[in-house]
PDB file of N, CA and C in Angstrom:
ATOM      1  N   UNK A   1      27.907  84.344  44.359  1.00  0.00           N
ATOM      2  CA  UNK A   1      28.104  83.320  43.892  1.00  0.00           C
ATOM      3  C   UNK A   1      29.797  83.251  44.595  1.00  0.00           C
ATOM      4  N   UNK A   2      30.125  81.595  44.846  1.00  0.00           N
ATOM      5  CA  UNK A   2      31.200  81.460  46.198  1.00  0.00           C
ATOM      6  C   UNK A   2      32.428  81.315  45.171  1.00  0.00           C
ATOM      7  N   UNK A   3      33.489  81.367  45.694  1.00  0.00           N
ATOM      8  CA  UNK A   3      34.764  81.039  44.742  1.00  0.00           C
ATOM      9  C   UNK A   3      34.641  79.402  45.144  1.00  0.00           C
ATOM     10  N   UNK A   4      35.579  78.874  44.384  1.00  0.00           N
ATOM     11  CA  UNK A   4      35.948  77.512  44.471  1.00  0.00           C
ATOM     12  C   UNK A   4      36.299  77.026  45.901  1.00  0.00           C
ATOM     13  N   UNK A   5      37.056  77.958  46.247  1.00  0.00           N
ATOM     14  CA  UNK A   5      37.589  77.302  47.767  1.00  0.00           C
ATOM     15  C   UNK A   5      36.747  77.313  48.860  1.00  0.00           C
ATOM     16  N   UNK A   6      35.870  78.749  49.054  1.00  0.00           N
ATOM     17  CA  UNK A   6      34.648  78.688  49.762  1.00  0.00           C
ATOM     18  C   UNK A   6      33.622  77.908  49.777  1.00  0.00           C
ATOM     19  N   UNK A   7      33.232  77.728  48.442  1.00  0.00           N
ATOM     20  CA  UNK A   7      32.253  76.462  48.170  1.00  0.00           C
ATOM     21  C   UNK A   7      32.566  75.188  48.494  1.00  0.00           C
ATOM     22  N   UNK A   8      33.821  74.634  48.229  1.00  0.00           N
ATOM     23  CA  UNK A   8      34.471  73.543  48.537  1.00  0.00           C
ATOM     24  C   UNK A   8      34.417  73.553  50.742  1.00  0.00           C
ATOM     25  N   UNK A   9      34.467  74.859  50.926  1.00  0.00           N
ATOM     26  CA  UNK A   9      34.801  74.628  52.186  1.00  0.00           C
ATOM     27  C   UNK A   9      33.328  74.259  53.141  1.00  0.00           C
ATOM     28  N   UNK A  10      32.413  75.349  52.238  1.00  0.00           N
ATOM     29  CA  UNK A  10      31.129  75.258  52.788  1.00  0.00           C
ATOM     30  C   UNK A  10      30.554  73.590  52.828  1.00  0.00           C
ATOM     31  N   UNK A  11      31.011  73.136  51.878  1.00  0.00           N
ATOM     32  CA  UNK A  11      30.232  71.649  51.341  1.00  0.00           C
ATOM     33  C   UNK A  11      30.761  70.677  52.165  1.00  0.00           C
ATOM     34  N   UNK A  12      32.559  71.150  52.711  1.00  0.00           N
ATOM     35  CA  UNK A  12      32.277  70.405  53.687  1.00  0.00           C
ATOM     36  C   UNK A  12      32.394  70.181  55.206  1.00  0.00           C
ATOM     37  N   UNK A  13      31.715  71.708  55.584  1.00  0.00           N
ATOM     38  CA  UNK A  13      31.102  71.941  56.587  1.00  0.00           C
ATOM     39  C   UNK A  13      29.576  71.394  56.678  1.00  0.00           C
ATOM     40  N   UNK A  14      28.874  71.221  55.732  1.00  0.00           N
ATOM     41  CA  UNK A  14      27.656  70.753  55.556  1.00  0.00           C
ATOM     42  C   UNK A  14      27.686  69.305  56.041  1.00  0.00           C
ATOM     43  N   UNK A  15      28.797  68.756  55.102  1.00  0.00           N
ATOM     44  CA  UNK A  15      29.004  67.163  55.304  1.00  0.00           C
ATOM     45  C   UNK A  15      29.400  66.778  56.995  1.00  0.00           C
ATOM     46  N   UNK A  16      30.039  68.078  57.282  1.00  0.00           N
ATOM     47  CA  UNK A  16      30.394  67.516  58.883  1.00  0.00           C
ATOM     48  C   UNK A  16      29.009  67.621  60.066  1.00  0.00           C
ATOM     49  N   UNK A  17      28.258  68.547  59.654  1.00  0.00           N
ATOM     50  CA  UNK A  17      27.165  68.810  60.478  1.00  0.00           C
ATOM     51  C   UNK A  17      25.917  69.035  59.760  1.00  0.00           C
ATOM     52  N   UNK A  18      25.127  67.724  59.019  1.00  0.00           N
ATOM     53  CA  UNK A  18      24.301  67.716  58.427  1.00  0.00           C
ATOM     54  C   UNK A  18      23.173  68.453  59.169  1.00  0.00           C
ATOM     55  N   UNK A  19      23.153  67.995  60.557  1.00  0.00           N
ATOM     56  CA  UNK A  19      21.801  68.549  61.410  1.00  0.00           C
ATOM     57  C   UNK A  19      21.810  70.285  62.100  1.00  0.00           C
ATOM     58  N   UNK A  20      22.993  71.007  61.140  1.00  0.00           N
ATOM     59  CA  UNK A  20      22.874  72.005  61.379  1.00  0.00           C
ATOM     60  C   UNK A  20      23.463  72.672  63.005  1.00  0.00           C
ATOM     61  N   UNK A  21      23.661  71.412  64.006  1.00  0.00           N
ATOM     62  CA  UNK A  21      24.478  72.130  65.026  1.00  0.00           C
ATOM     63  C   UNK A  21      25.970  72.299  64.902  1.00  0.00           C
ATOM     64  N   UNK A  22      26.472  72.726  66.286  1.00  0.00           N
ATOM     65  CA  UNK A  22      27.840  72.980  65.922  1.00  0.00           C
ATOM     66  C   UNK A  22      28.744  72.162  65.988  1.00  0.00           C
ATOM     67  N   UNK A  23      29.511  72.204  65.559  1.00  0.00           N
ATOM     68  CA  UNK A  23      30.618  71.207  65.615  1.00  0.00           C
ATOM     69  C   UNK A  23      32.082  71.282  65.647  1.00  0.00           C
ATOM     70  N   UNK A  24      33.199  70.601  66.093  1.00  0.00           N
ATOM     71  CA  UNK A  24      34.232  71.376  66.024  1.00  0.00           C
ATOM     72  C   UNK A  24      35.043  70.855  65.012  1.00  0.00           C
ATOM     73  N   UNK A  25      35.954  71.501  64.040  1.00  0.00           N
ATOM     74  CA  UNK A  25      36.729  70.731  63.206  1.00  0.00           C
ATOM     75  C   UNK A  25      38.036  71.441  63.214  1.00  0.00           C
ATOM     76  N   UNK A  26      38.696  70.574  63.099  1.00  0.00           N
ATOM     77  CA  UNK A  26      40.363  71.075  62.720  1.00  0.00           C
ATOM     78  C   UNK A  26      40.627  71.608  61.429  1.00  0.00           C
ATOM     79  N   UNK A  27      41.501  72.016  61.775  1.00  0.00           N
ATOM     80  CA  UNK A  27      41.935  72.941  60.182  1.00  0.00           C
ATOM     81  C   UNK A  27      42.572  72.246  59.274  1.00  0.00           C
ATOM     82  N   UNK A  28      43.401  71.091  59.645  1.00  0.00           N
ATOM     83  CA  UNK A  28      43.805  69.865  58.316  1.00  0.00           C
ATOM     84  C   UNK A  28      42.742  69.566  57.972  1.00  0.00           C
ATOM     85  N   UNK A  29      41.688  69.462  58.299  1.00  0.00           N
ATOM     86  CA  UNK A  29      40.284  68.415  57.975  1.00  0.00           C
ATOM     87  C   UNK A  29      39.852  69.549  57.135  1.00  0.00           C
ATOM     88  N   UNK A  30      39.393  70.416  57.316  1.00  0.00           N
ATOM     89  CA  UNK A  30      39.196  71.907  56.320  1.00  0.00           C
ATOM     90  C   UNK A  30      40.080  71.546  55.419  1.00  0.00           C
ATOM     91  N   UNK A  31      41.408  72.288  55.278  1.00  0.00           N
ATOM     92  CA  UNK A  31      42.314  72.283  54.237  1.00  0.00           C
ATOM     93  C   UNK A  31      42.407  70.995  53.533  1.00  0.00           C
ATOM     94  N   UNK A  32      41.782  69.882  53.787  1.00  0.00           N
ATOM     95  CA  UNK A  32      42.079  68.569  52.752  1.00  0.00           C
ATOM     96  C   UNK A  32      40.841  68.719  51.776  1.00  0.00           C
ATOM     97  N   UNK A  33      39.787  69.267  52.576  1.00  0.00           N
ATOM     98  CA  UNK A  33      38.563  69.528  51.235  1.00  0.00           C
ATOM     99  C   UNK A  33      38.531  70.650  50.405  1.00  0.00           C
ATOM    100  N   UNK A  34      39.570  71.335  50.686  1.00  0.00           N
ATOM    101  CA  UNK A  34      39.663  72.659  49.804  1.00  0.00           C
ATOM    102  C   UNK A  34      40.774  72.537  48.880  1.00  0.00           C
ATOM    103  N   UNK A  35      40.902  73.379  47.675  1.00  0.00           N
ATOM    104  CA  UNK A  35      41.917  73.541  46.469  1.00  0.00           C
ATOM    105  C   UNK A  35      43.410  73.626  47.479  1.00  0.00           C
ATOM    106  N   UNK A  36      44.252  73.387  46.801  1.00  0.00           N
ATOM    107  CA  UNK A  36      45.891  73.545  47.196  1.00  0.00           C
ATOM    108  C   UNK A  36      46.099  75.126  47.218  1.00  0.00           C
ATOM    109  N   UNK A  37      46.707  75.365  48.191  1.00  0.00           N
ATOM    110  CA  UNK A  37      47.043  76.356  48.368  1.00  0.00           C
ATOM    111  C   UNK A  37      45.692  78.020  49.019  1.00  0.00           C
ATOM    112  N   UNK A  38      44.639  77.480  49.176  1.00  0.00           N
ATOM    113  CA  UNK A  38      43.364  77.884  49.500  1.00  0.00           C
ATOM    114  C   UNK A  38      43.667  78.305  50.921  1.00  0.00           C
ATOM    115  N   UNK A  39      43.002  79.535  51.495  1.00  0.00           N
ATOM    116  CA  UNK A  39      43.026  80.055  52.712  1.00  0.00           C
ATOM    117  C   UNK A  39      42.050  79.756  53.514  1.00  0.00           C
ATOM    118  N   UNK A  40      42.132  79.017  54.661  1.00  0.00           N
ATOM    119  CA  UNK A  40      40.923  78.090  55.316  1.00  0.00           C
ATOM    120  C   UNK A  40      40.319  79.302  56.174  1.00  0.00           C
ATOM    121  N   UNK A  41      41.237  80.251  56.814  1.00  0.00           N
ATOM    122  CA  UNK A  41      40.715  81.467  57.657  1.00  0.00           C
ATOM    123  C   UNK A  41      39.885  82.803  56.320  1.00  0.00           C
ATOM    124  N   UNK A  42      40.349  82.763  55.438  1.00  0.00           N
ATOM    125  CA  UNK A  42      39.845  83.444  54.580  1.00  0.00           C
ATOM    126  C   UNK A  42      38.687  83.125  54.037  1.00  0.00           C
ATOM    127  N   UNK A  43      38.473  81.717  53.889  1.00  0.00           N
ATOM    128  CA  UNK A  43      37.067  81.220  52.898  1.00  0.00           C
ATOM    129  C   UNK A  43      36.545  81.330  54.656  1.00  0.00           C
ATOM    130  N   UNK A  44      36.527  80.610  55.436  1.00  0.00           N
ATOM    131  CA  UNK A  44      35.954  80.972  56.749  1.00  0.00           C
ATOM    132  C   UNK A  44      35.215  82.446  56.944  1.00  0.00           C
ATOM    133  N   UNK A  45      35.878  83.516  56.576  1.00  0.00           N
ATOM    134  CA  UNK A  45      35.230  84.816  57.027  1.00  0.00           C
ATOM    135  C   UNK A  45      34.391  85.415  55.841  1.00  0.00           C
ATOM    136  N   UNK A  46      34.684  84.989  54.900  1.00  0.00           N
ATOM    137  CA  UNK A  46      33.841  85.098  53.594  1.00  0.00           C
ATOM    138  C   UNK A  46      32.857  84.208  53.851  1.00  0.00           C
ATOM    139  N   UNK A  47      32.550  83.264  54.592  1.00  0.00           N
ATOM    140  CA  UNK A  47      31.284  82.205  54.767  1.00  0.00           C
ATOM    141  C   UNK A  47      30.121  82.966  55.623  1.00  0.00           C
ATOM    142  N   UNK A  48      31.469  83.372  56.621  1.00  0.00           N
ATOM    143  CA  UNK A  48      30.544  83.995  58.021  1.00  0.00           C
ATOM    144  C   UNK A  48      29.747  85.349  57.629  1.00  0.00           C
ATOM    145  N   UNK A  49      30.912  86.033  56.377  1.00  0.00           N
ATOM    146  CA  UNK A  49      30.384  87.535  56.424  1.00  0.00           C
ATOM    147  C   UNK A  49      29.039  87.408  55.788  1.00  0.00           C
ATOM    148  N   UNK A  50      28.632  86.445  54.601  1.00  0.00           N
ATOM    149  CA  UNK A  50      27.441  85.875  54.375  1.00  0.00           C
ATOM    150  C   UNK A  50      26.518  85.328  54.527  1.00  0.00           C
ATOM    151  N   UNK A  51      26.938  84.667  56.136  1.00  0.00           N
ATOM    152  CA  UNK A  51      25.820  84.045  56.950  1.00  0.00           C
ATOM    153  C   UNK A  51      25.635  83.058  56.599  1.00  0.00           C
ATOM    154  N   UNK A  52      26.396  82.369  55.598  1.00  0.00           N
ATOM    155  CA  UNK A  52      26.171  80.988  55.504  1.00  0.00           C
ATOM    156  C   UNK A  52      26.970  79.664  56.685  1.00  0.00           C
ATOM    157  N   UNK A  53      27.428  80.423  57.529  1.00  0.00           N
ATOM    158  CA  UNK A  53      28.064  79.657  58.659  1.00  0.00           C
ATOM    159  C   UNK A  53      28.182  80.701  59.887  1.00  0.00           C
ATOM    160  N   UNK A  54      28.512  80.036  61.003  1.00  0.00           N
ATOM    161  CA  UNK A  54      28.128  80.802  62.431  1.00  0.00           C
ATOM    162  C   UNK A  54      29.337  80.056  63.129  1.00  0.00           C
ATOM    163  N   UNK A  55      30.391  80.809  63.340  1.00  0.00           N
ATOM    164  CA  UNK A  55      31.940  80.826  63.624  1.00  0.00           C
ATOM    165  C   UNK A  55      31.643  81.077  65.276  1.00  0.00           C
ATOM    166  N   UNK A  56      31.684  80.108  65.951  1.00  0.00           N
ATOM    167  CA  UNK A  56      31.586  80.303  67.675  1.00  0.00           C
ATOM    168  C   UNK A  56      32.780  80.383  68.102  1.00  0.00           C
ATOM    169  N   UNK A  57      33.967  80.062  67.687  1.00  0.00           N
ATOM    170  CA  UNK A  57      35.460  80.282  67.737  1.00  0.00           C
ATOM    171  C   UNK A  57      36.150  79.709  67.274  1.00  0.00           C
ATOM    172  N   UNK A  58      37.788  80.217  66.922  1.00  0.00           N
ATOM    173  CA  UNK A  58      38.638  79.405  66.065  1.00  0.00           C
ATOM    174  C   UNK A  58      40.458  79.955  67.122  1.00  0.00           C
ATOM    175  N   UNK A  59      40.636  78.918  67.498  1.00  0.00           N
ATOM    176  CA  UNK A  59      41.824  78.775  68.273  1.00  0.00           C
ATOM    177  C   UNK A  59      42.696  78.049  68.292  1.00  0.00           C
ATOM    178  N   UNK A  60      43.984  78.256  67.918  1.00  0.00           N
ATOM    179  CA  UNK A  60      44.928  77.347  67.115  1.00  0.00           C
ATOM    180  C   UNK A  60      44.670  76.304  65.934  1.00  0.00           C
ATOM    181  N   UNK A  61      43.752  76.469  65.322  1.00  0.00           N
ATOM    182  CA  UNK A  61      43.451  75.525  64.026  1.00  0.00           C
ATOM    183  C   UNK A  61      42.356  74.764  64.475  1.00  0.00           C
ATOM    184  N   UNK A  62      41.498  74.849  65.516  1.00  0.00           N
ATOM    185  CA  UNK A  62      40.615  74.743  65.698  1.00  0.00           C
ATOM    186  C   UNK A  62      39.523  75.364  65.671  1.00  0.00           C
ATOM    187  N   UNK A  63      38.454  75.157  64.983  1.00  0.00           N
ATOM    188  CA  UNK A  63      37.153  75.946  64.854  1.00  0.00           C
ATOM    189  C   UNK A  63      35.799  75.249  65.211  1.00  0.00           C
ATOM    190  N   UNK A  64      34.833  76.331  65.664  1.00  0.00           N
ATOM    191  CA  UNK A  64      33.525  75.455  65.975  1.00  0.00           C
ATOM    192  C   UNK A  64      32.762  76.046  64.889  1.00  0.00           C
ATOM    193  N   UNK A  65      31.968  75.622  64.181  1.00  0.00           N
ATOM    194  CA  UNK A  65      31.078  75.875  63.119  1.00  0.00           C
ATOM    195  C   UNK A  65      30.009  75.376  63.164  1.00  0.00           C
ATOM    196  N   UNK A  66      28.901  75.785  62.677  1.00  0.00           N
ATOM    197  CA  UNK A  66      27.318  75.418  62.228  1.00  0.00           C
ATOM    198  C   UNK A  66      27.216  76.378  61.160  1.00  0.00           C
ATOM    199  N   UNK A  67      26.168  75.698  60.323  1.00  0.00           N
ATOM    200  CA  UNK A  67      25.759  76.212  59.170  1.00  0.00           C
ATOM    201  C   UNK A  67      24.495  76.806  59.921  1.00  0.00           C
ATOM    202  N   UNK A  68      24.297  77.952  58.588  1.00  0.00           N
ATOM    203  CA  UNK A  68      22.784  78.714  58.766  1.00  0.00           C
ATOM    204  C   UNK A  68      22.211  78.348  57.684  1.00  0.00           C
ATOM    205  N   UNK A  69      20.660  78.242  57.852  1.00  0.00           N
ATOM    206  CA  UNK A  69      19.878  78.242  56.558  1.00  0.00           C
ATOM    207  C   UNK A  69      20.408  78.644  55.451  1.00  0.00           C
ATOM    208  N   UNK A  70      20.822  79.730  55.356  1.00  0.00           N
ATOM    209  CA  UNK A  70      20.955  80.365  53.878  1.00  0.00           C
ATOM    210  C   UNK A  70      22.487  79.527  53.742  1.00  0.00           C
ATOM    211  N   UNK A  71      23.089  78.739  54.002  1.00  0.00           N
ATOM    212  CA  UNK A  71      24.287  78.061  53.634  1.00  0.00           C
ATOM    213  C   UNK A  71      24.024  77.141  53.242  1.00  0.00           C
ATOM    214  N   UNK A  72      23.006  76.295  53.806  1.00  0.00           N
ATOM    215  CA  UNK A  72      22.331  74.654  53.641  1.00  0.00           C
ATOM    216  C   UNK A  72      21.724  75.559  52.311  1.00  0.00           C
ATOM    217  N   UNK A  73      20.642  76.483  52.140  1.00  0.00           N
ATOM    218  CA  UNK A  73      20.020  76.848  50.764  1.00  0.00           C
ATOM    219  C   UNK A  73      20.792  76.966  49.333  1.00  0.00           C
ATOM    220  N   UNK A  74      21.838  77.557  49.704  1.00  0.00           N
ATOM    221  CA  UNK A  74      23.070  77.668  48.715  1.00  0.00           C
ATOM    222  C   UNK A  74      23.473  76.372  48.291  1.00  0.00           C
ATOM    223  N   UNK A  75      23.966  75.853  48.980  1.00  0.00           N
ATOM    224  CA  UNK A  75      24.912  74.314  49.096  1.00  0.00           C
ATOM    225  C   UNK A  75      23.232  73.689  47.983  1.00  0.00           C
ATOM    226  N   UNK A  76      22.284  73.374  48.499  1.00  0.00           N
ATOM    227  CA  UNK A  76      21.145  72.373  47.575  1.00  0.00           C
ATOM    228  C   UNK A  76      21.201  73.397  46.387  1.00  0.00           C
ATOM    229  N   UNK A  77      20.568  74.825  46.181  1.00  0.00           N
ATOM    230  CA  UNK A  77      20.586  75.556  44.775  1.00  0.00           C
ATOM    231  C   UNK A  77      21.920  74.877  44.119  1.00  0.00           C
ATOM    232  N   UNK A  78      23.086  75.077  44.486  1.00  0.00           N
ATOM    233  CA  UNK A  78      24.531  75.069  43.494  1.00  0.00           C
ATOM    234  C   UNK A  78      24.431  73.510  43.228  1.00  0.00           C
ATOM    235  N   UNK A  79      23.678  72.401  44.164  1.00  0.00           N
ATOM    236  CA  UNK A  79      24.219  70.757  43.748  1.00  0.00           C
ATOM    237  C   UNK A  79      22.865  70.586  42.562  1.00  0.00           C
ATOM    238  N   UNK A  80      21.671  71.715  42.753  1.00  0.00           N
ATOM    239  CA  UNK A  80      20.626  71.342  41.457  1.00  0.00           C
ATOM    240  C   UNK A  80      21.309  71.990  40.635  1.00  0.00           C
ATOM    241  N   UNK A  81      21.889  73.300  40.427  1.00  0.00           N
ATOM    242  CA  UNK A  81      22.666  73.595  39.069  1.00  0.00           C
ATOM    243  C   UNK A  81      23.417  72.869  38.433  1.00  0.00           C
ATOM    244  N   UNK A  82      24.307  72.104  39.488  1.00  0.00           N
ATOM    245  CA  UNK A  82      25.094  70.998  38.914  1.00  0.00           C
ATOM    246  C   UNK A  82      24.437  70.351  38.439  1.00  0.00           C
ATOM    247  N   UNK A  83      23.329  69.538  38.586  1.00  0.00           N
ATOM    248  CA  UNK A  83      22.508  68.233  38.229  1.00  0.00           C
ATOM    249  C   UNK A  83      22.481  68.671  36.915  1.00  0.00           C
ATOM    250  N   UNK A  84      21.424  69.702  36.930  1.00  0.00           N
ATOM    251  CA  UNK A  84      20.948  70.191  35.577  1.00  0.00           C
ATOM    252  C   UNK A  84      21.982  70.582  34.581  1.00  0.00           C
ATOM    253  N   UNK A  85      23.183  70.927  35.010  1.00  0.00           N
ATOM    254  CA  UNK A  85      24.348  71.265  34.067  1.00  0.00           C
ATOM    255  C   UNK A  85      24.666  69.862  33.018  1.00  0.00           C
ATOM    256  N   UNK A  86      24.930  68.954  34.314  1.00  0.00           N
ATOM    257  CA  UNK A  86      25.381  67.700  33.634  1.00  0.00           C
ATOM    258  C   UNK A  86      24.341  66.984  33.062  1.00  0.00           C
ATOM    259  N   UNK A  87      22.926  66.977  33.340  1.00  0.00           N
ATOM    260  CA  UNK A  87      22.028  66.673  32.232  1.00  0.00           C
ATOM    261  C   UNK A  87      21.963  67.366  31.124  1.00  0.00           C
ATOM    262  N   UNK A  88      22.394  68.028  30.811  1.00  0.00           N
ATOM    263  CA  UNK A  88      22.001  69.008  29.985  1.00  0.00           C
ATOM    264  C   UNK A  88      23.567  68.916  29.128  1.00  0.00           C
ATOM    265  N   UNK A  89      24.234  68.645  29.593  1.00  0.00           N
ATOM    266  CA  UNK A  89      25.291  67.521  28.996  1.00  0.00           C
ATOM    267  C   UNK A  89      25.775  66.410  28.058  1.00  0.00           C
ATOM    268  N   UNK A  90      25.135  65.806  29.047  1.00  0.00           N
ATOM    269  CA  UNK A  90      24.578  64.540  28.780  1.00  0.00           C
ATOM    270  C   UNK A  90      23.902  64.632  27.201  1.00  0.00           C
ATOM    271  N   UNK A  91      22.765  65.096  27.522  1.00  0.00           N
ATOM    272  CA  UNK A  91      21.617  65.113  26.430  1.00  0.00           C
ATOM    273  C   UNK A  91      22.450  65.637  24.832  1.00  0.00           C
ATOM    274  N   UNK A  92      23.304  66.887  25.510  1.00  0.00           N
ATOM    275  CA  UNK A  92      23.940  67.627  24.176  1.00  0.00           C
ATOM    276  C   UNK A  92      24.591  66.765  23.389  1.00  0.00           C
ATOM    277  N   UNK A  93      25.133  65.893  24.173  1.00  0.00           N
ATOM    278  CA  UNK A  93      26.289  64.994  23.820  1.00  0.00           C
ATOM    279  C   UNK A  93      25.531  63.479  22.848  1.00  0.00           C
ATOM    280  N   UNK A  94      24.359  63.504  23.608  1.00  0.00           N
ATOM    281  CA  UNK A  94      23.802  62.212  22.940  1.00  0.00           C
ATOM    282  C   UNK A  94      22.741  62.712  21.962  1.00  0.00           C
ATOM    283  N   UNK A  95      22.485  64.002  21.272  1.00  0.00           N
ATOM    284  CA  UNK A  95      22.083  64.639  20.392  1.00  0.00           C
ATOM    285  C   UNK A  95      23.392  64.942  19.208  1.00  0.00           C
ATOM    286  N   UNK A  96      24.482  65.388  19.869  1.00  0.00           N
ATOM    287  CA  UNK A  96      25.584  65.440  18.668  1.00  0.00           C
ATOM    288  C   UNK A  96      25.582  63.642  18.319  1.00  0.00           C
ATOM    289  N   UNK A  97      26.007  62.882  18.916  1.00  0.00           N
ATOM    290  CA  UNK A  97      26.250  61.482  18.354  1.00  0.00           C
ATOM    291  C   UNK A  97      25.445  61.234  17.647  1.00  0.00           C
ATOM    292  N   UNK A  98      24.011  61.150  18.028  1.00  0.00           N
ATOM    293  CA  UNK A  98      23.217  60.534  17.272  1.00  0.00           C
ATOM    294  C   UNK A  98      23.252  61.118  15.941  1.00  0.00           C
ATOM    295  N   UNK A  99      23.038  62.530  15.987  1.00  0.00           N
ATOM    296  CA  UNK A  99      23.234  63.241  14.773  1.00  0.00           C
ATOM    297  C   UNK A  99      24.425  63.109  13.377  1.00  0.00           C
ATOM    298  N   UNK A 100      25.288  63.102  14.295  1.00  0.00           N
ATOM    299  CA  UNK A 100      26.362  62.780  13.672  1.00  0.00           C
ATOM    300  C   UNK A 100      26.749  61.204  12.766  1.00  0.00           C
ATOM    301  N   UNK A 101      25.969  60.319  13.779  1.00  0.00           N
ATOM    302  CA  UNK A 101      25.751  58.897  13.405  1.00  0.00           C
ATOM    303  C   UNK A 101      25.082  58.875  12.050  1.00  0.00           C
ATOM    304  N   UNK A 102      23.782  59.663  12.078  1.00  0.00           N
ATOM    305  CA  UNK A 102      22.978  59.511  11.176  1.00  0.00           C
ATOM    306  C   UNK A 102      23.367  60.597   9.851  1.00  0.00           C
ATOM    307  N   UNK A 103      23.994  61.307  10.240  1.00  0.00           N
ATOM    308  CA  UNK A 103      24.498  61.780   9.078  1.00  0.00           C
ATOM    309  C   UNK A 103      25.488  61.314   8.185  1.00  0.00           C
ATOM    310  N   UNK A 104      26.890  60.616   9.167  1.00  0.00           N
ATOM    311  CA  UNK A 104      27.503  59.541   8.555  1.00  0.00           C
ATOM    312  C   UNK A 104      27.006  58.386   7.724  1.00  0.00           C
ATOM    313  N   UNK A 105      25.967  58.074   8.195  1.00  0.00           N
ATOM    314  CA  UNK A 105      25.531  56.674   7.406  1.00  0.00           C
ATOM    315  C   UNK A 105      24.868  57.167   6.368  1.00  0.00           C
ATOM    316  N   UNK A 106      23.872  58.538   6.045  1.00  0.00           N
ATOM    317  CA  UNK A 106      23.337  59.193   5.070  1.00  0.00           C
ATOM    318  C   UNK A 106      24.445  59.188   4.044  1.00  0.00           C
ATOM    319  N   UNK A 107      25.516  59.908   4.110  1.00  0.00           N
ATOM    320  CA  UNK A 107      26.590  60.330   3.558  1.00  0.00           C
ATOM    321  C   UNK A 107      27.021  59.070   2.709  1.00  0.00           C
ATOM    322  N   UNK A 108      27.428  57.646   4.002  1.00  0.00           N
ATOM    323  CA  UNK A 108      27.638  56.695   3.254  1.00  0.00           C
ATOM    324  C   UNK A 108      26.875  55.974   2.106  1.00  0.00           C
ATOM    325  N   UNK A 109      25.533  56.300   2.747  1.00  0.00           N
ATOM    326  CA  UNK A 109      24.285  55.604   1.553  1.00  0.00           C
ATOM    327  C   UNK A 109      24.390  56.367   0.337  1.00  0.00           C
ATOM    328  N   UNK A 110      24.768  58.069   0.228  1.00  0.00           N
ATOM    329  CA  UNK A 110      24.798  58.453  -0.915  1.00  0.00           C
ATOM    330  C   UNK A 110      25.980  58.107  -1.549  1.00  0.00           C
ATOM    331  N   UNK A 111      26.828  57.645  -1.244  1.00  0.00           N
ATOM    332  CA  UNK A 111      28.039  57.910  -1.681  1.00  0.00           C
ATOM    333  C   UNK A 111      27.957  56.226  -2.749  1.00  0.00           C
ATOM    334  N   UNK A 112      27.374  55.040  -1.686  1.00  0.00           N
ATOM    335  CA  UNK A 112      27.084  53.769  -2.419  1.00  0.00           C
ATOM    336  C   UNK A 112      26.167  54.098  -3.869  1.00  0.00           C
ATOM    337  N   UNK A 113      25.181  54.847  -3.344  1.00  0.00           N
ATOM    338  CA  UNK A 113      24.238  54.974  -4.462  1.00  0.00           C
ATOM    339  C   UNK A 113      24.750  55.624  -5.799  1.00  0.00           C
ATOM    340  N   UNK A 114      25.508  56.371  -5.529  1.00  0.00           N
ATOM    341  CA  UNK A 114      26.292  57.686  -6.575  1.00  0.00           C
ATOM    342  C   UNK A 114      27.367  56.545  -7.267  1.00  0.00           C
ATOM    343  N   UNK A 115      27.938  55.754  -6.738  1.00  0.00           N
ATOM    344  CA  UNK A 115      28.927  54.676  -7.232  1.00  0.00           C
ATOM    345  C   UNK A 115      28.203  53.580  -8.139  1.00  0.00           C
ATOM    346  N   UNK A 116      27.138  53.086  -7.612  1.00  0.00           N
ATOM    347  CA  UNK A 116      26.261  52.167  -8.256  1.00  0.00           C
ATOM    348  C   UNK A 116      26.084  52.765  -9.796  1.00  0.00           C
ATOM    349  N   UNK A 117      25.587  53.935  -9.393  1.00  0.00           N
ATOM    350  CA  UNK A 117      24.459  54.790 -10.737  1.00  0.00           C
ATOM    351  C   UNK A 117      25.578  54.686 -11.437  1.00  0.00           C
ATOM    352  N   UNK A 118      26.824  55.189 -11.443  1.00  0.00           N
ATOM    353  CA  UNK A 118      27.895  55.849 -12.327  1.00  0.00           C
ATOM    354  C   UNK A 118      28.414  54.561 -12.983  1.00  0.00           C
ATOM    355  N   UNK A 119      28.364  53.364 -12.527  1.00  0.00           N
ATOM    356  CA  UNK A 119      28.731  52.329 -12.933  1.00  0.00           C
ATOM    357  C   UNK A 119      28.145  51.820 -14.104  1.00  0.00           C
ATOM    358  N   UNK A 120      26.694  52.164 -14.305  1.00  0.00           N
ATOM    359  CA  UNK A 120      25.731  51.312 -15.270  1.00  0.00           C
ATOM    360  C   UNK A 120      26.052  52.428 -16.435  1.00  0.00           C
TER     361      UNK A 120
END
């Protein structure tokens, strides 16, 4: 599992080179894709150690990188998991909403019924 900054950096690199070829990226481009205060070099080395990217060279804030199959498959799995999590959250909200609506309606009907019965 990658930390937030490394995952964001991987997504930015995949977005810059969807075909998997080498691409030259400036440090500022990569920094914009990451959370504030994150270290680009540290995240790049983390991704390279896990063989998610290949770093050809790094000079004066310019990086030549490409994504590896492991990195692309990790990003796809991560996106699928996030999509499933969002779907489950929507489904839970839907059940909670309709369950509370049904319970509130039943309570209102019972209150009305008791009020009518007590007046007689």
